[in-house]
Amino acid sequence: MTSIDLSDFVILVKNQFSEEIRDDINEQTDFKALKEWSSLQTIIVVNEIHKHYNVILNSDDFSAAQNLGQLYEIVESRHI
C-alpha cells in the first residue's frame, strides 16, 4: 500500500478553488466554510480524489471531516 503525501493532497484540493483563496487553504482549513464551497465544488473534489487516488468519497465522509487533514485521513485509510 502506497502512502498519500499530505502536502500533495492539499495541493490537489487547493487547485480546485480559485487562485484568490488558494493561499488560505491548508490541512487545518474547514473546507466547508470556504465561500466557494458548494454541492458542485463537492462533486469536483470527489472526482479529483477518485481520479488521483482511486478513492470514492460519500456525503458521510464530508460530514465526518472537519478540515482537510481529516478528509486526507479518510482518503488515506481507503487508498490501496
PDB file of N, CA and C in Angstrom:
ATOM      1  N   MET A   1       0.841  -1.178   0.000  1.00  0.00           N
ATOM      2  CA  MET A   1       0.000   0.000   0.000  1.00  0.00           C
ATOM      3  C   MET A   1       0.886   1.241   0.000  1.00  0.00           C
ATOM      4  N   THR A   2       0.669   2.115  -0.962  1.00  0.00           N
ATOM      5  CA  THR A   2       1.432   3.347  -1.084  1.00  0.00           C
ATOM      6  C   THR A   2       0.752   4.451  -0.292  1.00  0.00           C
ATOM      7  N   SER A   3       1.543   5.172   0.453  1.00  0.00           N
ATOM      8  CA  SER A   3       1.019   6.266   1.256  1.00  0.00           C
ATOM      9  C   SER A   3       0.778   7.502   0.389  1.00  0.00           C
ATOM     10  N   ILE A   4      -0.238   8.268   0.747  1.00  0.00           N
ATOM     11  CA  ILE A   4      -0.534   9.524   0.075  1.00  0.00           C
ATOM     12  C   ILE A   4       0.178  10.628   0.848  1.00  0.00           C
ATOM     13  N   ASP A   5       0.862  11.498   0.145  1.00  0.00           N
ATOM     14  CA  ASP A   5       1.544  12.620   0.769  1.00  0.00           C
ATOM     15  C   ASP A   5       0.516  13.705   1.107  1.00  0.00           C
ATOM     16  N   LEU A   6       0.507  14.150   2.369  1.00  0.00           N
ATOM     17  CA  LEU A   6      -0.457  15.157   2.812  1.00  0.00           C
ATOM     18  C   LEU A   6      -0.338  16.442   2.004  1.00  0.00           C
ATOM     19  N   SER A   7       0.869  16.908   1.766  1.00  0.00           N
ATOM     20  CA  SER A   7       1.019  18.172   1.027  1.00  0.00           C
ATOM     21  C   SER A   7       0.517  18.037  -0.410  1.00  0.00           C
ATOM     22  N   ASP A   8       0.732  16.884  -1.045  1.00  0.00           N
ATOM     23  CA  ASP A   8       0.204  16.660  -2.392  1.00  0.00           C
ATOM     24  C   ASP A   8      -1.324  16.649  -2.383  1.00  0.00           C
ATOM     25  N   PHE A   9      -1.901  16.043  -1.353  1.00  0.00           N
ATOM     26  CA  PHE A   9      -3.357  16.004  -1.219  1.00  0.00           C
ATOM     27  C   PHE A   9      -3.923  17.412  -1.075  1.00  0.00           C
ATOM     28  N   VAL A  10      -3.312  18.211  -0.213  1.00  0.00           N
ATOM     29  CA  VAL A  10      -3.771  19.589   0.000  1.00  0.00           C
ATOM     30  C   VAL A  10      -3.661  20.389  -1.301  1.00  0.00           C
ATOM     31  N   ILE A  11      -2.568  20.225  -2.018  1.00  0.00           N
ATOM     32  CA  ILE A  11      -2.398  20.928  -3.292  1.00  0.00           C
ATOM     33  C   ILE A  11      -3.468  20.504  -4.289  1.00  0.00           C
ATOM     34  N   LEU A  12      -3.761  19.217  -4.342  1.00  0.00           N
ATOM     35  CA  LEU A  12      -4.806  18.723  -5.239  1.00  0.00           C
ATOM     36  C   LEU A  12      -6.135  19.411  -4.941  1.00  0.00           C
ATOM     37  N   VAL A  13      -6.500  19.477  -3.675  1.00  0.00           N
ATOM     38  CA  VAL A  13      -7.763  20.113  -3.302  1.00  0.00           C
ATOM     39  C   VAL A  13      -7.700  21.623  -3.545  1.00  0.00           C
ATOM     40  N   LYS A  14      -6.606  22.261  -3.160  1.00  0.00           N
ATOM     41  CA  LYS A  14      -6.452  23.704  -3.354  1.00  0.00           C
ATOM     42  C   LYS A  14      -6.646  24.092  -4.812  1.00  0.00           C
ATOM     43  N   ASN A  15      -6.141  23.281  -5.708  1.00  0.00           N
ATOM     44  CA  ASN A  15      -6.217  23.596  -7.128  1.00  0.00           C
ATOM     45  C   ASN A  15      -7.630  23.538  -7.694  1.00  0.00           C
ATOM     46  N   GLN A  16      -8.579  23.086  -6.894  1.00  0.00           N
ATOM     47  CA  GLN A  16      -9.968  23.043  -7.336  1.00  0.00           C
ATOM     48  C   GLN A  16     -10.702  24.342  -6.991  1.00  0.00           C
ATOM     49  N   PHE A  17      -9.995  25.265  -6.366  1.00  0.00           N
ATOM     50  CA  PHE A  17     -10.577  26.548  -5.967  1.00  0.00           C
ATOM     51  C   PHE A  17      -9.909  27.677  -6.741  1.00  0.00           C
ATOM     52  N   SER A  18     -10.515  28.841  -6.693  1.00  0.00           N
ATOM     53  CA  SER A  18      -9.959  29.999  -7.389  1.00  0.00           C
ATOM     54  C   SER A  18      -8.624  30.412  -6.770  1.00  0.00           C
ATOM     55  N   GLU A  19      -7.806  31.051  -7.568  1.00  0.00           N
ATOM     56  CA  GLU A  19      -6.481  31.475  -7.112  1.00  0.00           C
ATOM     57  C   GLU A  19      -6.569  32.430  -5.933  1.00  0.00           C
ATOM     58  N   GLU A  20      -7.640  33.198  -5.824  1.00  0.00           N
ATOM     59  CA  GLU A  20      -7.779  34.181  -4.763  1.00  0.00           C
ATOM     60  C   GLU A  20      -7.774  33.562  -3.371  1.00  0.00           C
ATOM     61  N   ILE A  21      -8.261  32.340  -3.254  1.00  0.00           N
ATOM     62  CA  ILE A  21      -8.342  31.749  -1.907  1.00  0.00           C
ATOM     63  C   ILE A  21      -7.358  30.597  -1.685  1.00  0.00           C
ATOM     64  N   ARG A  22      -6.640  30.187  -2.714  1.00  0.00           N
ATOM     65  CA  ARG A  22      -5.737  29.036  -2.580  1.00  0.00           C
ATOM     66  C   ARG A  22      -4.705  29.203  -1.474  1.00  0.00           C
ATOM     67  N   ASP A  23      -4.147  30.398  -1.329  1.00  0.00           N
ATOM     68  CA  ASP A  23      -3.109  30.617  -0.323  1.00  0.00           C
ATOM     69  C   ASP A  23      -3.631  30.444   1.100  1.00  0.00           C
ATOM     70  N   ASP A  24      -4.944  30.552   1.272  1.00  0.00           N
ATOM     71  CA  ASP A  24      -5.544  30.437   2.594  1.00  0.00           C
ATOM     72  C   ASP A  24      -5.909  28.996   2.952  1.00  0.00           C
ATOM     73  N   ILE A  25      -5.695  28.065   2.042  1.00  0.00           N
ATOM     74  CA  ILE A  25      -6.105  26.677   2.254  1.00  0.00           C
ATOM     75  C   ILE A  25      -4.915  25.836   2.695  1.00  0.00           C
ATOM     76  N   ASN A  26      -5.089  25.118   3.798  1.00  0.00           N
ATOM     77  CA  ASN A  26      -4.077  24.184   4.302  1.00  0.00           C
ATOM     78  C   ASN A  26      -4.795  23.022   4.980  1.00  0.00           C
ATOM     79  N   GLU A  27      -4.036  22.134   5.613  1.00  0.00           N
ATOM     80  CA  GLU A  27      -4.667  20.933   6.209  1.00  0.00           C
ATOM     81  C   GLU A  27      -5.613  21.257   7.355  1.00  0.00           C
ATOM     82  N   GLN A  28      -5.498  22.442   7.949  1.00  0.00           N
ATOM     83  CA  GLN A  28      -6.391  22.837   9.044  1.00  0.00           C
ATOM     84  C   GLN A  28      -7.650  23.551   8.554  1.00  0.00           C
ATOM     85  N   THR A  29      -7.747  23.804   7.263  1.00  0.00           N
ATOM     86  CA  THR A  29      -8.865  24.552   6.698  1.00  0.00           C
ATOM     87  C   THR A  29     -10.162  23.775   6.789  1.00  0.00           C
ATOM     88  N   ASP A  30     -11.187  24.439   7.320  1.00  0.00           N
ATOM     89  CA  ASP A  30     -12.540  23.889   7.290  1.00  0.00           C
ATOM     90  C   ASP A  30     -13.076  24.187   5.891  1.00  0.00           C
ATOM     91  N   PHE A  31     -12.877  23.259   4.996  1.00  0.00           N
ATOM     92  CA  PHE A  31     -13.201  23.476   3.584  1.00  0.00           C
ATOM     93  C   PHE A  31     -14.668  23.790   3.371  1.00  0.00           C
ATOM     94  N   LYS A  32     -15.545  23.277   4.247  1.00  0.00           N
ATOM     95  CA  LYS A  32     -16.979  23.528   4.100  1.00  0.00           C
ATOM     96  C   LYS A  32     -17.337  24.976   4.434  1.00  0.00           C
ATOM     97  N   ALA A  33     -16.440  25.685   5.094  1.00  0.00           N
ATOM     98  CA  ALA A  33     -16.678  27.088   5.443  1.00  0.00           C
ATOM     99  C   ALA A  33     -16.157  28.050   4.367  1.00  0.00           C
ATOM    100  N   LEU A  34     -15.456  27.522   3.376  1.00  0.00           N
ATOM    101  CA  LEU A  34     -14.960  28.375   2.300  1.00  0.00           C
ATOM    102  C   LEU A  34     -16.128  28.933   1.498  1.00  0.00           C
ATOM    103  N   LYS A  35     -16.016  30.198   1.110  1.00  0.00           N
ATOM    104  CA  LYS A  35     -17.147  30.823   0.405  1.00  0.00           C
ATOM    105  C   LYS A  35     -17.432  30.160  -0.941  1.00  0.00           C
ATOM    106  N   GLU A  36     -16.444  29.510  -1.527  1.00  0.00           N
ATOM    107  CA  GLU A  36     -16.646  28.828  -2.808  1.00  0.00           C
ATOM    108  C   GLU A  36     -17.211  27.410  -2.658  1.00  0.00           C
ATOM    109  N   TRP A  37     -17.317  26.921  -1.418  1.00  0.00           N
ATOM    110  CA  TRP A  37     -17.778  25.549  -1.232  1.00  0.00           C
ATOM    111  C   TRP A  37     -19.252  25.447  -1.601  1.00  0.00           C
ATOM    112  N   SER A  38     -19.603  24.467  -2.394  1.00  0.00           N
ATOM    113  CA  SER A  38     -20.980  24.237  -2.833  1.00  0.00           C
ATOM    114  C   SER A  38     -21.130  22.769  -3.186  1.00  0.00           C
ATOM    115  N   SER A  39     -22.321  22.387  -3.561  1.00  0.00           N
ATOM    116  CA  SER A  39     -22.533  20.996  -3.970  1.00  0.00           C
ATOM    117  C   SER A  39     -21.721  20.693  -5.239  1.00  0.00           C
ATOM    118  N   LEU A  40     -21.620  21.657  -6.133  1.00  0.00           N
ATOM    119  CA  LEU A  40     -20.803  21.464  -7.330  1.00  0.00           C
ATOM    120  C   LEU A  40     -19.333  21.310  -6.957  1.00  0.00           C
ATOM    121  N   GLN A  41     -18.854  22.114  -6.018  1.00  0.00           N
ATOM    122  CA  GLN A  41     -17.464  22.016  -5.575  1.00  0.00           C
ATOM    123  C   GLN A  41     -17.203  20.648  -4.950  1.00  0.00           C
ATOM    124  N   THR A  42     -18.167  20.125  -4.236  1.00  0.00           N
ATOM    125  CA  THR A  42     -18.040  18.797  -3.643  1.00  0.00           C
ATOM    126  C   THR A  42     -17.828  17.752  -4.735  1.00  0.00           C
ATOM    127  N   ILE A  43     -18.625  17.837  -5.773  1.00  0.00           N
ATOM    128  CA  ILE A  43     -18.510  16.884  -6.887  1.00  0.00           C
ATOM    129  C   ILE A  43     -17.139  16.993  -7.551  1.00  0.00           C
ATOM    130  N   ILE A  44     -16.667  18.208  -7.729  1.00  0.00           N
ATOM    131  CA  ILE A  44     -15.354  18.417  -8.354  1.00  0.00           C
ATOM    132  C   ILE A  44     -14.255  17.789  -7.501  1.00  0.00           C
ATOM    133  N   VAL A  45     -14.298  18.024  -6.194  1.00  0.00           N
ATOM    134  CA  VAL A  45     -13.279  17.473  -5.293  1.00  0.00           C
ATOM    135  C   VAL A  45     -13.371  15.949  -5.258  1.00  0.00           C
ATOM    136  N   VAL A  46     -14.574  15.411  -5.162  1.00  0.00           N
ATOM    137  CA  VAL A  46     -14.754  13.960  -5.162  1.00  0.00           C
ATOM    138  C   VAL A  46     -14.171  13.357  -6.442  1.00  0.00           C
ATOM    139  N   ASN A  47     -14.437  13.981  -7.569  1.00  0.00           N
ATOM    140  CA  ASN A  47     -13.936  13.487  -8.851  1.00  0.00           C
ATOM    141  C   ASN A  47     -12.407  13.500  -8.901  1.00  0.00           C
ATOM    142  N   GLU A  48     -11.795  14.590  -8.452  1.00  0.00           N
ATOM    143  CA  GLU A  48     -10.336  14.687  -8.469  1.00  0.00           C
ATOM    144  C   GLU A  48      -9.694  13.658  -7.531  1.00  0.00           C
ATOM    145  N   ILE A  49     -10.281  13.470  -6.368  1.00  0.00           N
ATOM    146  CA  ILE A  49      -9.756  12.471  -5.431  1.00  0.00           C
ATOM    147  C   ILE A  49      -9.882  11.076  -6.032  1.00  0.00           C
ATOM    148  N   HIS A  50     -11.005  10.806  -6.655  1.00  0.00           N
ATOM    149  CA  HIS A  50     -11.184   9.499  -7.285  1.00  0.00           C
ATOM    150  C   HIS A  50     -10.177   9.302  -8.413  1.00  0.00           C
ATOM    151  N   LYS A  51      -9.992  10.328  -9.233  1.00  0.00           N
ATOM    152  CA  LYS A  51      -9.078  10.249 -10.365  1.00  0.00           C
ATOM    153  C   LYS A  51      -7.623  10.027  -9.911  1.00  0.00           C
ATOM    154  N   HIS A  52      -7.207  10.720  -8.867  1.00  0.00           N
ATOM    155  CA  HIS A  52      -5.812  10.647  -8.432  1.00  0.00           C
ATOM    156  C   HIS A  52      -5.520   9.513  -7.452  1.00  0.00           C
ATOM    157  N   TYR A  53      -6.487   9.160  -6.621  1.00  0.00           N
ATOM    158  CA  TYR A  53      -6.223   8.179  -5.557  1.00  0.00           C
ATOM    159  C   TYR A  53      -7.108   6.936  -5.625  1.00  0.00           C
ATOM    160  N   ASN A  54      -8.037   6.895  -6.602  1.00  0.00           N
ATOM    161  CA  ASN A  54      -8.941   5.770  -6.752  1.00  0.00           C
ATOM    162  C   ASN A  54      -9.748   5.505  -5.477  1.00  0.00           C
ATOM    163  N   VAL A  55     -10.174   6.593  -4.837  1.00  0.00           N
ATOM    164  CA  VAL A  55     -10.995   6.521  -3.628  1.00  0.00           C
ATOM    165  C   VAL A  55     -12.268   7.305  -3.901  1.00  0.00           C
ATOM    166  N   ILE A  56     -13.407   6.688  -3.601  1.00  0.00           N
ATOM    167  CA  ILE A  56     -14.689   7.362  -3.774  1.00  0.00           C
ATOM    168  C   ILE A  56     -15.199   7.792  -2.403  1.00  0.00           C
ATOM    169  N   LEU A  57     -15.466   9.079  -2.286  1.00  0.00           N
ATOM    170  CA  LEU A  57     -15.985   9.632  -1.041  1.00  0.00           C
ATOM    171  C   LEU A  57     -17.494   9.805  -1.152  1.00  0.00           C
ATOM    172  N   ASN A  58     -18.172   9.763  -0.010  1.00  0.00           N
ATOM    173  CA  ASN A  58     -19.610   9.991   0.010  1.00  0.00           C
ATOM    174  C   ASN A  58     -19.926  11.139   0.968  1.00  0.00           C
ATOM    175  N   SER A  59     -21.192  11.474   1.075  1.00  0.00           N
ATOM    176  CA  SER A  59     -21.589  12.616   1.908  1.00  0.00           C
ATOM    177  C   SER A  59     -21.238  12.406   3.377  1.00  0.00           C
ATOM    178  N   ASP A  60     -21.280  11.173   3.860  1.00  0.00           N
ATOM    179  CA  ASP A  60     -20.907  10.898   5.249  1.00  0.00           C
ATOM    180  C   ASP A  60     -19.441  11.235   5.504  1.00  0.00           C
ATOM    181  N   ASP A  61     -18.596  10.993   4.512  1.00  0.00           N
ATOM    182  CA  ASP A  61     -17.177  11.317   4.651  1.00  0.00           C
ATOM    183  C   ASP A  61     -16.981  12.815   4.821  1.00  0.00           C
ATOM    184  N   PHE A  62     -17.697  13.600   4.037  1.00  0.00           N
ATOM    185  CA  PHE A  62     -17.582  15.048   4.143  1.00  0.00           C
ATOM    186  C   PHE A  62     -18.182  15.558   5.452  1.00  0.00           C
ATOM    187  N   SER A  63     -19.215  14.912   5.916  1.00  0.00           N
ATOM    188  CA  SER A  63     -19.804  15.295   7.208  1.00  0.00           C
ATOM    189  C   SER A  63     -18.849  14.984   8.356  1.00  0.00           C
ATOM    190  N   ALA A  64     -18.137  13.890   8.258  1.00  0.00           N
ATOM    191  CA  ALA A  64     -17.232  13.463   9.324  1.00  0.00           C
ATOM    192  C   ALA A  64     -15.962  14.306   9.392  1.00  0.00           C
ATOM    193  N   ALA A  65     -15.545  14.856   8.268  1.00  0.00           N
ATOM    194  CA  ALA A  65     -14.284  15.616   8.218  1.00  0.00           C
ATOM    195  C   ALA A  65     -14.539  17.077   8.575  1.00  0.00           C
ATOM    196  N   GLN A  66     -13.810  17.555   9.570  1.00  0.00           N
ATOM    197  CA  GLN A  66     -13.921  18.962   9.975  1.00  0.00           C
ATOM    198  C   GLN A  66     -12.947  19.857   9.218  1.00  0.00           C
ATOM    199  N   ASN A  67     -11.916  19.252   8.622  1.00  0.00           N
ATOM    200  CA  ASN A  67     -10.918  20.032   7.887  1.00  0.00           C
ATOM    201  C   ASN A  67     -10.260  19.126   6.843  1.00  0.00           C
ATOM    202  N   LEU A  68      -9.374  19.703   6.058  1.00  0.00           N
ATOM    203  CA  LEU A  68      -8.719  18.919   5.001  1.00  0.00           C
ATOM    204  C   LEU A  68      -7.852  17.802   5.559  1.00  0.00           C
ATOM    205  N   GLY A  69      -7.241  18.023   6.708  1.00  0.00           N
ATOM    206  CA  GLY A  69      -6.429  16.979   7.323  1.00  0.00           C
ATOM    207  C   GLY A  69      -7.251  15.744   7.643  1.00  0.00           C
ATOM    208  N   GLN A  70      -8.450  15.944   8.140  1.00  0.00           N
ATOM    209  CA  GLN A  70      -9.323  14.811   8.446  1.00  0.00           C
ATOM    210  C   GLN A  70      -9.838  14.153   7.168  1.00  0.00           C
ATOM    211  N   LEU A  71     -10.114  14.953   6.147  1.00  0.00           N
ATOM    212  CA  LEU A  71     -10.526  14.372   4.871  1.00  0.00           C
ATOM    213  C   LEU A  71      -9.377  13.547   4.289  1.00  0.00           C
ATOM    214  N   TYR A  72      -8.163  14.055   4.413  1.00  0.00           N
ATOM    215  CA  TYR A  72      -6.973  13.321   3.984  1.00  0.00           C
ATOM    216  C   TYR A  72      -6.903  11.966   4.697  1.00  0.00           C
ATOM    217  N   GLU A  73      -7.136  11.946   6.000  1.00  0.00           N
ATOM    218  CA  GLU A  73      -7.073  10.689   6.760  1.00  0.00           C
ATOM    219  C   GLU A  73      -8.090   9.677   6.251  1.00  0.00           C
ATOM    220  N   ILE A  74      -9.271  10.149   5.878  1.00  0.00           N
ATOM    221  CA  ILE A  74     -10.290   9.250   5.325  1.00  0.00           C
ATOM    222  C   ILE A  74      -9.806   8.676   3.996  1.00  0.00           C
ATOM    223  N   VAL A  75      -9.286   9.539   3.137  1.00  0.00           N
ATOM    224  CA  VAL A  75      -8.791   9.081   1.830  1.00  0.00           C
ATOM    225  C   VAL A  75      -7.619   8.127   2.018  1.00  0.00           C
ATOM    226  N   GLU A  76      -6.695   8.490   2.880  1.00  0.00           N
ATOM    227  CA  GLU A  76      -5.514   7.647   3.146  1.00  0.00           C
ATOM    228  C   GLU A  76      -5.925   6.269   3.650  1.00  0.00           C
ATOM    229  N   SER A  77      -6.945   6.197   4.490  1.00  0.00           N
ATOM    230  CA  SER A  77      -7.362   4.907   5.047  1.00  0.00           C
ATOM    231  C   SER A  77      -7.991   3.984   4.002  1.00  0.00           C
ATOM    232  N   ARG A  78      -8.454   4.537   2.888  1.00  0.00           N
ATOM    233  CA  ARG A  78      -9.085   3.737   1.844  1.00  0.00           C
ATOM    234  C   ARG A  78      -8.207   3.537   0.613  1.00  0.00           C
ATOM    235  N   HIS A  79      -7.086   4.244   0.588  1.00  0.00           N
ATOM    236  CA  HIS A  79      -6.201   4.172  -0.573  1.00  0.00           C
ATOM    237  C   HIS A  79      -5.464   2.829  -0.584  1.00  0.00           C
ATOM    238  N   ILE A  80      -5.430   2.197  -1.755  1.00  0.00           N
ATOM    239  CA  ILE A  80      -4.759   0.910  -1.899  1.00  0.00           C
ATOM    240  C   ILE A  80      -3.418   1.102  -2.556  1.00  0.00           C
TER     241      ILE A  80
END
